[in-house]
C-alpha cells in the first residue's frame, strides 16, 4: 500500500505541474531576438499572436515560464511571450553604449511625410502620419529605426532614420 501511495502522490504532482505550471520569475534582463519572432498572449503556441518582433531587436524580459520568455514593451503595448529559442541574453556595453545612444538622442525634423509605427519595423502598425517639417524628439536608435517620444504626451513610436535630419542637440 505504501508504494501505491507514493506512486499516486508522484502522479498527482506531475499532473498538477502539467495543468498548473509554475511561473518562474526571472530577473529582469535584456535579450536580443535571433529571428523574426511572434509575440503571443500566453506561454504556448495555442495562444493568439499579438505582434511580431523583427530579428536583432532588443527586448525587455521580465519573467519566464518553461521555455517562454515574458517580454514587456517599452512603448506601451501589453506584455507577451516569445519562445526562448528565438532570443539570447545580452549584456549592455557599459559606457560606450550609453555614449552612442546619447549621440543619437536629440531634436530632429522630418524631411518627408513619415509613418510613425508601434515598433521598429515596417511590419508594425502605423500609429499616425507625421508631416514633413515636423520637429520630433528622438531618444534612441534600434537598427535603422528611431524611437520617438513626445514632450507633449502623445503616444511614442518608431520611424525610419532616413526620413529625418538633426536640428538640435
C-alpha atoms as a PDB file:
ATOM      1  CA  UNK A   1       0.000   0.000   0.000  1.00  0.00           C
ATOM      2  CA  UNK A   2       2.843   2.369   0.800  1.00  0.00           C
ATOM      3  CA  UNK A   3       4.336   2.025  -2.711  1.00  0.00           C
ATOM      4  CA  UNK A   4       0.967   2.668  -4.325  1.00  0.00           C
ATOM      5  CA  UNK A   5       0.510   5.842  -2.215  1.00  0.00           C
ATOM      6  CA  UNK A   6       3.940   7.129  -3.307  1.00  0.00           C
ATOM      7  CA  UNK A   7       3.156   6.486  -6.983  1.00  0.00           C
ATOM      8  CA  UNK A   8      -0.203   8.240  -6.616  1.00  0.00           C
ATOM      9  CA  UNK A   9       1.495  11.229  -4.971  1.00  0.00           C
ATOM     10  CA  UNK A  10       4.144  11.481  -7.698  1.00  0.00           C
ATOM     11  CA  UNK A  11       1.478  11.184 -10.389  1.00  0.00           C
ATOM     12  CA  UNK A  12      -0.576  13.938  -8.727  1.00  0.00           C
ATOM     13  CA  UNK A  13       2.467  16.243  -8.591  1.00  0.00           C
ATOM     14  CA  UNK A  14       3.288  15.587 -12.252  1.00  0.00           C
ATOM     15  CA  UNK A  15      -0.299  16.234 -13.346  1.00  0.00           C
ATOM     16  CA  UNK A  16      -0.542  19.412 -11.263  1.00  0.00           C
ATOM     17  CA  UNK A  17       2.562  20.794 -12.984  1.00  0.00           C
ATOM     18  CA  UNK A  18       1.101  19.901 -16.353  1.00  0.00           C
ATOM     19  CA  UNK A  19      -2.197  21.655 -15.715  1.00  0.00           C
ATOM     20  CA  UNK A  20      -0.942  24.378 -13.341  1.00  0.00           C
ATOM     21  CA  UNK A  21       2.609  25.151 -14.485  1.00  0.00           C
ATOM     22  CA  UNK A  22       4.683  27.112 -12.069  1.00  0.00           C
ATOM     23  CA  UNK A  23       5.759  30.540 -13.229  1.00  0.00           C
ATOM     24  CA  UNK A  24       9.431  31.044 -12.577  1.00  0.00           C
ATOM     25  CA  UNK A  25      10.194  34.734 -12.268  1.00  0.00           C
ATOM     26  CA  UNK A  26      13.456  35.524 -13.970  1.00  0.00           C
ATOM     27  CA  UNK A  27      15.496  38.537 -13.092  1.00  0.00           C
ATOM     28  CA  UNK A  28      14.661  41.322 -15.466  1.00  0.00           C
ATOM     29  CA  UNK A  29      17.073  41.107 -18.365  1.00  0.00           C
ATOM     30  CA  UNK A  30      17.789  42.445 -21.797  1.00  0.00           C
ATOM     31  CA  UNK A  31      17.680  39.977 -24.691  1.00  0.00           C
ATOM     32  CA  UNK A  32      18.072  40.340 -28.452  1.00  0.00           C
ATOM     33  CA  UNK A  33      15.920  38.454 -30.945  1.00  0.00           C
ATOM     34  CA  UNK A  34      17.762  35.965 -33.168  1.00  0.00           C
ATOM     35  CA  UNK A  35      14.971  35.747 -35.787  1.00  0.00           C
ATOM     36  CA  UNK A  36      11.644  37.401 -36.531  1.00  0.00           C
ATOM     37  CA  UNK A  37       9.644  36.184 -33.542  1.00  0.00           C
ATOM     38  CA  UNK A  38       5.923  36.036 -32.830  1.00  0.00           C
ATOM     39  CA  UNK A  39       4.730  37.527 -29.569  1.00  0.00           C
ATOM     40  CA  UNK A  40       1.905  35.520 -28.066  1.00  0.00           C
ATOM     41  CA  UNK A  41      -0.708  36.396 -25.473  1.00  0.00           C
ATOM     42  CA  UNK A  42       0.398  33.499 -23.279  1.00  0.00           C
ATOM     43  CA  UNK A  43       3.247  30.977 -22.959  1.00  0.00           C
ATOM     44  CA  UNK A  44       2.473  28.472 -25.717  1.00  0.00           C
ATOM     45  CA  UNK A  45       1.690  28.134 -29.408  1.00  0.00           C
ATOM     46  CA  UNK A  46      -2.006  27.697 -28.625  1.00  0.00           C
ATOM     47  CA  UNK A  47      -2.179  31.361 -27.515  1.00  0.00           C
ATOM     48  CA  UNK A  48      -3.019  34.017 -30.127  1.00  0.00           C
ATOM     49  CA  UNK A  49      -0.266  36.037 -31.800  1.00  0.00           C
ATOM     50  CA  UNK A  50      -0.378  39.692 -30.760  1.00  0.00           C
ATOM     51  CA  UNK A  51       2.699  41.065 -32.571  1.00  0.00           C
ATOM     52  CA  UNK A  52       5.904  40.172 -34.369  1.00  0.00           C
ATOM     53  CA  UNK A  53       9.321  41.430 -33.302  1.00  0.00           C
ATOM     54  CA  UNK A  54      11.976  41.645 -36.034  1.00  0.00           C
ATOM     55  CA  UNK A  55      15.385  39.969 -35.807  1.00  0.00           C
ATOM     56  CA  UNK A  56      18.129  41.836 -33.900  1.00  0.00           C
ATOM     57  CA  UNK A  57      15.755  43.893 -31.722  1.00  0.00           C
ATOM     58  CA  UNK A  58      16.391  44.243 -28.006  1.00  0.00           C
ATOM     59  CA  UNK A  59      13.573  43.000 -25.790  1.00  0.00           C
ATOM     60  CA  UNK A  60      12.971  43.537 -22.086  1.00  0.00           C
ATOM     61  CA  UNK A  61      12.393  40.164 -20.401  1.00  0.00           C
ATOM     62  CA  UNK A  62      10.534  40.319 -17.077  1.00  0.00           C
ATOM     63  CA  UNK A  63       9.796  36.641 -16.449  1.00  0.00           C
ATOM     64  CA  UNK A  64       9.919  33.081 -17.717  1.00  0.00           C
ATOM     65  CA  UNK A  65       7.513  30.146 -17.943  1.00  0.00           C
ATOM     66  CA  UNK A  66       9.261  26.976 -19.007  1.00  0.00           C
ATOM     67  CA  UNK A  67      10.711  27.744 -22.491  1.00  0.00           C
ATOM     68  CA  UNK A  68       8.757  31.008 -22.879  1.00  0.00           C
ATOM     69  CA  UNK A  69      10.087  34.467 -22.053  1.00  0.00           C
ATOM     70  CA  UNK A  70       7.662  37.109 -20.833  1.00  0.00           C
ATOM     71  CA  UNK A  71       8.542  40.339 -22.614  1.00  0.00           C
ATOM     72  CA  UNK A  72       7.387  43.810 -21.697  1.00  0.00           C
ATOM     73  CA  UNK A  73       7.081  46.590 -24.236  1.00  0.00           C
ATOM     74  CA  UNK A  74       8.850  49.851 -23.609  1.00  0.00           C
ATOM     75  CA  UNK A  75       6.310  51.709 -25.723  1.00  0.00           C
ATOM     76  CA  UNK A  76       3.055  50.926 -24.026  1.00  0.00           C
ATOM     77  CA  UNK A  77       1.998  47.608 -25.578  1.00  0.00           C
ATOM     78  CA  UNK A  78       0.751  44.785 -23.368  1.00  0.00           C
ATOM     79  CA  UNK A  79       3.264  42.182 -22.209  1.00  0.00           C
ATOM     80  CA  UNK A  80       3.515  38.983 -24.219  1.00  0.00           C
ATOM     81  CA  UNK A  81       5.539  35.800 -24.587  1.00  0.00           C
ATOM     82  CA  UNK A  82       8.210  34.711 -27.046  1.00  0.00           C
ATOM     83  CA  UNK A  83       9.870  31.303 -27.276  1.00  0.00           C
ATOM     84  CA  UNK A  84      13.361  31.340 -25.756  1.00  0.00           C
ATOM     85  CA  UNK A  85      14.905  29.704 -28.841  1.00  0.00           C
ATOM     86  CA  UNK A  86      14.376  32.998 -30.733  1.00  0.00           C
ATOM     87  CA  UNK A  87      16.236  35.261 -28.294  1.00  0.00           C
ATOM     88  CA  UNK A  88      19.517  35.359 -26.446  1.00  0.00           C
ATOM     89  CA  UNK A  89      20.538  37.369 -23.381  1.00  0.00           C
ATOM     90  CA  UNK A  90      22.833  40.307 -23.928  1.00  0.00           C
ATOM     91  CA  UNK A  91      24.960  42.425 -21.675  1.00  0.00           C
ATOM     92  CA  UNK A  92      24.998  46.126 -22.268  1.00  0.00           C
ATOM     93  CA  UNK A  93      28.386  47.585 -23.004  1.00  0.00           C
ATOM     94  CA  UNK A  94      28.746  49.942 -20.059  1.00  0.00           C
ATOM     95  CA  UNK A  95      29.815  53.445 -21.063  1.00  0.00           C
ATOM     96  CA  UNK A  96      30.299  53.045 -24.800  1.00  0.00           C
ATOM     97  CA  UNK A  97      26.663  52.033 -25.386  1.00  0.00           C
ATOM     98  CA  UNK A  98      25.358  54.954 -23.342  1.00  0.00           C
ATOM     99  CA  UNK A  99      27.559  57.416 -25.243  1.00  0.00           C
ATOM    100  CA  UNK A 100      26.432  56.143 -28.654  1.00  0.00           C
ATOM    101  CA  UNK A 101      22.759  56.363 -27.588  1.00  0.00           C
ATOM    102  CA  UNK A 102      23.245  59.931 -26.401  1.00  0.00           C
ATOM    103  CA  UNK A 103      24.767  60.851 -29.775  1.00  0.00           C
ATOM    104  CA  UNK A 104      21.547  59.715 -31.483  1.00  0.00           C
ATOM    105  CA  UNK A 105      19.151  61.289 -28.991  1.00  0.00           C
ATOM    106  CA  UNK A 106      18.046  64.839 -29.654  1.00  0.00           C
ATOM    107  CA  UNK A 107      15.848  67.114 -31.699  1.00  0.00           C
ATOM    108  CA  UNK A 108      15.177  66.187 -35.357  1.00  0.00           C
ATOM    109  CA  UNK A 109      12.919  67.344 -38.178  1.00  0.00           C
ATOM    110  CA  UNK A 110      11.098  65.111 -40.637  1.00  0.00           C
ATOM    111  CA  UNK A 111      12.250  65.672 -44.233  1.00  0.00           C
ATOM    112  CA  UNK A 112       9.312  63.801 -45.783  1.00  0.00           C
ATOM    113  CA  UNK A 113       5.859  62.727 -44.615  1.00  0.00           C
ATOM    114  CA  UNK A 114       6.615  59.697 -42.450  1.00  0.00           C
ATOM    115  CA  UNK A 115       4.643  56.891 -40.778  1.00  0.00           C
ATOM    116  CA  UNK A 116       5.078  56.630 -37.012  1.00  0.00           C
ATOM    117  CA  UNK A 117       4.886  52.916 -36.158  1.00  0.00           C
ATOM    118  CA  UNK A 118       4.287  50.932 -32.959  1.00  0.00           C
ATOM    119  CA  UNK A 119       7.610  49.108 -33.249  1.00  0.00           C
ATOM    120  CA  UNK A 120      10.936  49.248 -35.074  1.00  0.00           C
ATOM    121  CA  UNK A 121       9.999  47.765 -38.456  1.00  0.00           C
ATOM    122  CA  UNK A 122       7.689  48.196 -41.431  1.00  0.00           C
ATOM    123  CA  UNK A 123       5.565  45.249 -40.290  1.00  0.00           C
ATOM    124  CA  UNK A 124       4.399  47.184 -37.220  1.00  0.00           C
ATOM    125  CA  UNK A 125       1.075  49.015 -37.264  1.00  0.00           C
ATOM    126  CA  UNK A 126       1.078  52.705 -38.192  1.00  0.00           C
ATOM    127  CA  UNK A 127       0.060  54.931 -35.284  1.00  0.00           C
ATOM    128  CA  UNK A 128      -0.226  58.093 -37.390  1.00  0.00           C
ATOM    129  CA  UNK A 129       1.480  60.064 -40.160  1.00  0.00           C
ATOM    130  CA  UNK A 130       3.871  62.870 -39.286  1.00  0.00           C
ATOM    131  CA  UNK A 131       4.018  65.638 -41.910  1.00  0.00           C
ATOM    132  CA  UNK A 132       7.337  66.809 -43.417  1.00  0.00           C
ATOM    133  CA  UNK A 133       8.923  69.629 -41.435  1.00  0.00           C
ATOM    134  CA  UNK A 134       7.669  68.445 -38.023  1.00  0.00           C
ATOM    135  CA  UNK A 135      10.129  68.661 -35.117  1.00  0.00           C
ATOM    136  CA  UNK A 136      10.450  65.403 -33.185  1.00  0.00           C
ATOM    137  CA  UNK A 137      12.263  64.197 -30.076  1.00  0.00           C
ATOM    138  CA  UNK A 138      14.424  61.105 -30.728  1.00  0.00           C
ATOM    139  CA  UNK A 139      15.500  59.109 -27.668  1.00  0.00           C
ATOM    140  CA  UNK A 140      17.353  56.144 -29.182  1.00  0.00           C
ATOM    141  CA  UNK A 141      18.079  54.091 -32.294  1.00  0.00           C
ATOM    142  CA  UNK A 142      17.186  50.438 -32.965  1.00  0.00           C
ATOM    143  CA  UNK A 143      18.768  49.306 -36.198  1.00  0.00           C
ATOM    144  CA  UNK A 144      17.528  51.578 -38.996  1.00  0.00           C
ATOM    145  CA  UNK A 145      14.709  52.920 -36.803  1.00  0.00           C
ATOM    146  CA  UNK A 146      14.497  55.795 -34.332  1.00  0.00           C
ATOM    147  CA  UNK A 147      12.426  55.764 -31.147  1.00  0.00           C
ATOM    148  CA  UNK A 148      10.404  58.993 -30.876  1.00  0.00           C
ATOM    149  CA  UNK A 149       8.846  60.213 -27.633  1.00  0.00           C
ATOM    150  CA  UNK A 150       6.594  63.243 -27.444  1.00  0.00           C
ATOM    151  CA  UNK A 151       7.261  66.021 -24.964  1.00  0.00           C
ATOM    152  CA  UNK A 152       3.512  66.799 -25.068  1.00  0.00           C
ATOM    153  CA  UNK A 153       2.305  63.353 -24.008  1.00  0.00           C
ATOM    154  CA  UNK A 154       1.494  61.923 -27.462  1.00  0.00           C
ATOM    155  CA  UNK A 155       1.988  58.205 -27.993  1.00  0.00           C
ATOM    156  CA  UNK A 156       5.632  57.158 -28.589  1.00  0.00           C
ATOM    157  CA  UNK A 157       6.642  55.260 -31.715  1.00  0.00           C
ATOM    158  CA  UNK A 158       9.284  54.487 -34.320  1.00  0.00           C
ATOM    159  CA  UNK A 159      10.213  55.965 -37.681  1.00  0.00           C
ATOM    160  CA  UNK A 160      12.887  55.260 -40.277  1.00  0.00           C
ATOM    161  CA  UNK A 161      16.254  57.008 -39.842  1.00  0.00           C
ATOM    162  CA  UNK A 162      16.370  58.270 -43.438  1.00  0.00           C
ATOM    163  CA  UNK A 163      13.181  60.303 -43.014  1.00  0.00           C
ATOM    164  CA  UNK A 164      14.663  62.837 -40.579  1.00  0.00           C
ATOM    165  CA  UNK A 165      17.564  65.247 -40.117  1.00  0.00           C
ATOM    166  CA  UNK A 166      19.101  66.506 -36.903  1.00  0.00           C
ATOM    167  CA  UNK A 167      18.261  70.109 -35.946  1.00  0.00           C
ATOM    168  CA  UNK A 168      19.469  70.306 -32.346  1.00  0.00           C
ATOM    169  CA  UNK A 169      21.353  68.629 -29.527  1.00  0.00           C
END
